[in-house]
N, C-alpha and C. Protein backbone atom coordinates (compact mmCIF):
# COMPACT_ATOMS: atom_id res chain seq x y z
N MET A 1 -15.32 10.45 19.77
CA MET A 1 -14.05 9.79 19.95
C MET A 1 -13.59 9.22 18.62
N TYR A 2 -12.32 9.26 18.38
CA TYR A 2 -11.75 8.62 17.20
C TYR A 2 -10.46 7.94 17.60
N VAL A 3 -9.97 7.10 16.73
CA VAL A 3 -8.72 6.41 16.98
C VAL A 3 -7.77 6.72 15.84
N LYS A 4 -6.60 7.21 16.16
CA LYS A 4 -5.58 7.47 15.14
C LYS A 4 -4.72 6.22 15.02
N LEU A 5 -4.67 5.68 13.82
CA LEU A 5 -3.88 4.47 13.57
C LEU A 5 -2.61 4.84 12.83
N THR A 6 -1.52 4.26 13.24
CA THR A 6 -0.26 4.40 12.52
C THR A 6 0.26 2.99 12.25
N MET A 7 1.37 2.90 11.55
CA MET A 7 1.92 1.59 11.23
C MET A 7 2.36 0.83 12.49
N VAL A 8 2.66 1.52 13.56
CA VAL A 8 3.18 0.85 14.75
C VAL A 8 2.22 0.86 15.94
N ASN A 9 1.28 1.78 15.97
CA ASN A 9 0.39 1.80 17.13
C ASN A 9 -0.90 2.56 16.81
N SER A 10 -1.79 2.53 17.76
CA SER A 10 -3.01 3.33 17.67
C SER A 10 -3.26 3.92 19.04
N SER A 11 -3.87 5.08 19.04
CA SER A 11 -4.15 5.73 20.31
C SER A 11 -5.50 6.42 20.24
N PRO A 12 -6.35 6.20 21.24
CA PRO A 12 -7.67 6.84 21.23
C PRO A 12 -7.58 8.31 21.66
N TYR A 13 -8.45 9.11 21.07
CA TYR A 13 -8.54 10.52 21.41
C TYR A 13 -10.01 10.86 21.64
N GLU A 14 -10.26 11.75 22.56
CA GLU A 14 -11.58 12.33 22.72
C GLU A 14 -11.64 13.56 21.82
N LEU A 15 -12.70 13.68 21.08
CA LEU A 15 -12.86 14.82 20.18
C LEU A 15 -14.00 15.69 20.70
N ASP A 16 -13.66 16.85 21.20
CA ASP A 16 -14.65 17.78 21.74
C ASP A 16 -14.80 18.94 20.76
N PRO A 17 -15.98 19.10 20.16
CA PRO A 17 -16.18 20.18 19.19
C PRO A 17 -15.81 21.56 19.73
N LYS A 18 -16.00 21.76 21.03
CA LYS A 18 -15.70 23.07 21.63
C LYS A 18 -14.21 23.40 21.54
N ASP A 19 -13.36 22.36 21.47
CA ASP A 19 -11.93 22.59 21.33
C ASP A 19 -11.58 23.22 19.98
N TYR A 20 -12.53 23.16 19.05
CA TYR A 20 -12.30 23.68 17.69
C TYR A 20 -13.25 24.82 17.35
N GLY A 21 -13.83 25.41 18.39
CA GLY A 21 -14.66 26.60 18.21
C GLY A 21 -16.11 26.33 17.86
N PHE A 22 -16.57 25.10 18.03
CA PHE A 22 -17.95 24.76 17.70
C PHE A 22 -18.77 24.56 18.96
N ASP A 23 -20.06 24.82 18.85
CA ASP A 23 -21.00 24.52 19.92
C ASP A 23 -21.46 23.08 19.78
N TYR A 24 -21.99 22.52 20.86
CA TYR A 24 -22.60 21.20 20.79
C TYR A 24 -23.91 21.31 20.02
N ALA A 25 -24.24 20.27 19.29
CA ALA A 25 -25.50 20.23 18.55
C ALA A 25 -26.47 19.31 19.27
N LYS A 26 -27.74 19.65 19.19
CA LYS A 26 -28.78 18.77 19.71
C LYS A 26 -29.01 17.66 18.69
N LYS A 27 -29.44 16.52 19.17
CA LYS A 27 -29.69 15.37 18.30
C LYS A 27 -30.61 15.77 17.13
N GLU A 28 -31.62 16.54 17.41
CA GLU A 28 -32.58 16.95 16.37
C GLU A 28 -31.92 17.75 15.26
N GLU A 29 -30.86 18.50 15.60
CA GLU A 29 -30.14 19.29 14.60
C GLU A 29 -29.37 18.42 13.62
N LEU A 30 -29.09 17.18 14.01
CA LEU A 30 -28.26 16.30 13.19
C LEU A 30 -29.07 15.30 12.37
N GLU A 31 -30.36 15.26 12.60
CA GLU A 31 -31.20 14.28 11.91
C GLU A 31 -31.35 14.63 10.45
N GLY A 32 -31.41 13.58 9.65
CA GLY A 32 -31.64 13.73 8.22
C GLY A 32 -33.01 13.21 7.86
N GLY A 33 -33.08 12.62 6.67
CA GLY A 33 -34.35 12.08 6.21
C GLY A 33 -34.13 11.10 5.09
N ASP A 34 -35.01 11.11 4.12
CA ASP A 34 -34.85 10.22 2.97
C ASP A 34 -33.81 10.81 2.02
N ALA A 35 -33.60 10.13 0.91
CA ALA A 35 -32.55 10.55 -0.02
C ALA A 35 -32.75 11.98 -0.52
N THR A 36 -33.96 12.35 -0.80
CA THR A 36 -34.25 13.71 -1.29
C THR A 36 -33.94 14.75 -0.23
N VAL A 37 -34.38 14.48 0.99
CA VAL A 37 -34.12 15.40 2.10
C VAL A 37 -32.61 15.50 2.36
N ASN A 38 -31.92 14.36 2.37
CA ASN A 38 -30.48 14.38 2.63
C ASN A 38 -29.70 15.10 1.53
N ALA A 39 -30.16 14.96 0.30
CA ALA A 39 -29.51 15.70 -0.80
C ALA A 39 -29.68 17.20 -0.59
N ALA A 40 -30.86 17.61 -0.19
CA ALA A 40 -31.11 19.04 0.06
C ALA A 40 -30.27 19.54 1.24
N ILE A 41 -30.16 18.71 2.28
CA ILE A 41 -29.34 19.08 3.43
C ILE A 41 -27.88 19.24 3.00
N THR A 42 -27.39 18.29 2.22
CA THR A 42 -26.01 18.35 1.75
C THR A 42 -25.77 19.63 0.96
N ARG A 43 -26.67 19.94 0.05
CA ARG A 43 -26.52 21.16 -0.76
C ARG A 43 -26.57 22.42 0.11
N SER A 44 -27.42 22.42 1.12
CA SER A 44 -27.50 23.61 1.98
C SER A 44 -26.23 23.78 2.80
N ILE A 45 -25.67 22.68 3.29
CA ILE A 45 -24.42 22.76 4.06
C ILE A 45 -23.30 23.25 3.15
N LEU A 46 -23.18 22.64 1.97
CA LEU A 46 -22.12 23.04 1.05
C LEU A 46 -22.37 24.43 0.47
N GLY A 47 -23.59 24.90 0.57
CA GLY A 47 -23.92 26.25 0.15
C GLY A 47 -23.68 27.30 1.23
N GLY A 48 -23.25 26.85 2.41
CA GLY A 48 -22.88 27.80 3.46
C GLY A 48 -23.78 27.86 4.67
N GLN A 49 -24.82 27.03 4.72
CA GLN A 49 -25.71 27.06 5.88
C GLN A 49 -24.95 26.69 7.15
N GLU A 50 -25.15 27.47 8.19
CA GLU A 50 -24.51 27.23 9.49
C GLU A 50 -25.37 26.29 10.32
N GLY A 51 -24.79 25.75 11.38
CA GLY A 51 -25.56 24.92 12.30
C GLY A 51 -24.88 23.61 12.62
N GLY A 52 -25.60 22.77 13.34
CA GLY A 52 -25.07 21.52 13.82
C GLY A 52 -24.64 20.57 12.71
N LYS A 53 -25.40 20.54 11.62
CA LYS A 53 -25.03 19.65 10.51
C LYS A 53 -23.72 20.10 9.87
N ARG A 54 -23.55 21.39 9.70
CA ARG A 54 -22.29 21.90 9.15
C ARG A 54 -21.13 21.55 10.09
N THR A 55 -21.35 21.71 11.39
CA THR A 55 -20.31 21.37 12.36
C THR A 55 -19.91 19.91 12.20
N ALA A 56 -20.89 19.02 12.09
CA ALA A 56 -20.60 17.59 11.93
C ALA A 56 -19.81 17.35 10.64
N VAL A 57 -20.20 18.01 9.57
CA VAL A 57 -19.49 17.85 8.29
C VAL A 57 -18.05 18.37 8.42
N LEU A 58 -17.88 19.52 9.04
CA LEU A 58 -16.53 20.08 9.18
C LEU A 58 -15.63 19.21 10.04
N LEU A 59 -16.18 18.67 11.12
CA LEU A 59 -15.37 17.79 11.97
C LEU A 59 -14.99 16.52 11.24
N ASN A 60 -15.94 15.93 10.51
CA ASN A 60 -15.65 14.70 9.77
C ASN A 60 -14.70 14.95 8.61
N ALA A 61 -14.96 15.97 7.83
CA ALA A 61 -14.08 16.29 6.70
C ALA A 61 -12.71 16.71 7.19
N GLY A 62 -12.69 17.50 8.26
CA GLY A 62 -11.41 17.92 8.84
C GLY A 62 -10.59 16.74 9.32
N MET A 63 -11.26 15.76 9.92
CA MET A 63 -10.57 14.56 10.37
C MET A 63 -10.02 13.78 9.17
N ALA A 64 -10.80 13.66 8.11
CA ALA A 64 -10.34 12.95 6.91
C ALA A 64 -9.12 13.64 6.31
N ILE A 65 -9.15 14.95 6.24
CA ILE A 65 -8.02 15.70 5.69
C ILE A 65 -6.79 15.53 6.58
N TYR A 66 -7.00 15.63 7.88
CA TYR A 66 -5.91 15.46 8.86
C TYR A 66 -5.25 14.09 8.71
N LEU A 67 -6.07 13.05 8.54
CA LEU A 67 -5.52 11.70 8.42
C LEU A 67 -4.87 11.46 7.06
N ALA A 68 -5.32 12.18 6.05
CA ALA A 68 -4.80 11.95 4.69
C ALA A 68 -3.54 12.75 4.39
N LYS A 69 -3.37 13.88 5.04
CA LYS A 69 -2.24 14.77 4.72
C LYS A 69 -1.22 14.76 5.86
N GLU A 70 -0.04 14.36 5.55
CA GLU A 70 1.04 14.31 6.53
C GLU A 70 1.38 15.73 7.01
N GLY A 71 1.58 15.87 8.30
CA GLY A 71 2.07 17.13 8.84
C GLY A 71 1.01 18.16 9.19
N LEU A 72 -0.26 17.83 9.04
CA LEU A 72 -1.32 18.77 9.41
C LEU A 72 -1.83 18.44 10.81
N THR A 73 -2.32 19.46 11.48
CA THR A 73 -3.05 19.24 12.73
C THR A 73 -4.52 19.06 12.38
N LEU A 74 -5.28 18.54 13.32
CA LEU A 74 -6.72 18.42 13.10
C LEU A 74 -7.35 19.79 12.87
N ALA A 75 -6.91 20.78 13.61
CA ALA A 75 -7.43 22.14 13.43
C ALA A 75 -7.18 22.63 12.01
N GLU A 76 -6.02 22.33 11.46
CA GLU A 76 -5.71 22.73 10.08
C GLU A 76 -6.58 21.96 9.08
N GLY A 77 -6.84 20.69 9.37
CA GLY A 77 -7.74 19.92 8.52
C GLY A 77 -9.13 20.51 8.51
N ILE A 78 -9.62 20.92 9.67
CA ILE A 78 -10.94 21.56 9.77
C ILE A 78 -10.94 22.87 8.99
N GLU A 79 -9.87 23.65 9.10
CA GLU A 79 -9.79 24.91 8.36
C GLU A 79 -9.79 24.67 6.85
N GLU A 80 -9.10 23.62 6.40
CA GLU A 80 -9.13 23.29 4.97
C GLU A 80 -10.55 22.92 4.53
N ALA A 81 -11.24 22.14 5.35
CA ALA A 81 -12.62 21.77 5.03
C ALA A 81 -13.50 23.02 4.94
N LYS A 82 -13.35 23.93 5.91
CA LYS A 82 -14.11 25.19 5.89
C LYS A 82 -13.83 25.97 4.61
N ALA A 83 -12.56 26.06 4.25
CA ALA A 83 -12.17 26.81 3.06
C ALA A 83 -12.79 26.20 1.80
N MET A 84 -12.80 24.87 1.72
CA MET A 84 -13.38 24.21 0.54
C MET A 84 -14.88 24.46 0.44
N ILE A 85 -15.56 24.45 1.58
CA ILE A 85 -17.00 24.72 1.57
C ILE A 85 -17.25 26.20 1.28
N ASP A 86 -16.58 27.07 2.01
CA ASP A 86 -16.83 28.50 1.88
C ASP A 86 -16.46 29.07 0.52
N SER A 87 -15.50 28.45 -0.15
CA SER A 87 -15.10 28.92 -1.49
C SER A 87 -16.02 28.42 -2.59
N GLY A 88 -16.88 27.44 -2.25
CA GLY A 88 -17.76 26.85 -3.26
C GLY A 88 -17.16 25.64 -3.96
N LYS A 89 -15.91 25.31 -3.65
CA LYS A 89 -15.25 24.19 -4.31
C LYS A 89 -15.94 22.86 -3.99
N ALA A 90 -16.38 22.67 -2.76
CA ALA A 90 -17.01 21.40 -2.37
C ALA A 90 -18.33 21.22 -3.13
N LEU A 91 -19.14 22.26 -3.20
CA LEU A 91 -20.41 22.17 -3.93
C LEU A 91 -20.16 21.96 -5.42
N ALA A 92 -19.15 22.60 -5.96
CA ALA A 92 -18.80 22.42 -7.38
C ALA A 92 -18.43 20.96 -7.66
N LYS A 93 -17.72 20.32 -6.73
CA LYS A 93 -17.36 18.90 -6.90
C LYS A 93 -18.61 18.02 -6.86
N VAL A 94 -19.53 18.32 -5.98
CA VAL A 94 -20.78 17.56 -5.93
C VAL A 94 -21.53 17.72 -7.25
N ASP A 95 -21.62 18.94 -7.74
CA ASP A 95 -22.30 19.18 -9.02
C ASP A 95 -21.61 18.43 -10.15
N GLN A 96 -20.29 18.43 -10.14
CA GLN A 96 -19.52 17.69 -11.15
C GLN A 96 -19.81 16.19 -11.08
N PHE A 97 -19.87 15.65 -9.88
CA PHE A 97 -20.16 14.24 -9.67
C PHE A 97 -21.57 13.90 -10.15
N VAL A 98 -22.54 14.73 -9.78
CA VAL A 98 -23.93 14.50 -10.20
C VAL A 98 -24.02 14.50 -11.71
N LYS A 99 -23.40 15.47 -12.35
CA LYS A 99 -23.43 15.56 -13.81
C LYS A 99 -22.81 14.31 -14.44
N ALA A 100 -21.67 13.89 -13.92
CA ALA A 100 -20.98 12.71 -14.47
C ALA A 100 -21.81 11.46 -14.31
N THR A 101 -22.48 11.31 -13.19
CA THR A 101 -23.27 10.09 -12.97
C THR A 101 -24.56 10.09 -13.79
N GLN A 102 -25.04 11.26 -14.16
CA GLN A 102 -26.25 11.33 -14.99
C GLN A 102 -25.94 11.08 -16.47
N GLU A 103 -24.67 11.20 -16.84
CA GLU A 103 -24.27 10.98 -18.22
C GLU A 103 -24.05 9.48 -18.52
N VAL A 104 -23.93 8.70 -17.49
CA VAL A 104 -23.64 7.26 -17.67
C VAL A 104 -24.90 6.51 -18.01
């Protein structure tokens, strides 16, 4: 569930992954670990690995894009997130961030 906020009101929505072509994930599929494990998980998702973790990332990133860009549907936000991951742009940004933080 999420809540869409506007300047004048807010309204709750139920978010069902199946409405966007995704299967439900088991809790075990979504579990992470320590920082090293989570970094590896992030890289694998951004590298194209399919599964429950990717679904969670796409739904969250798609929601962020939907909320940030005027005139998009949630489905379009999810598609933008998919395109960024599948093109390698998302992983390239992570690599750029890691490099920049190691230079400081």
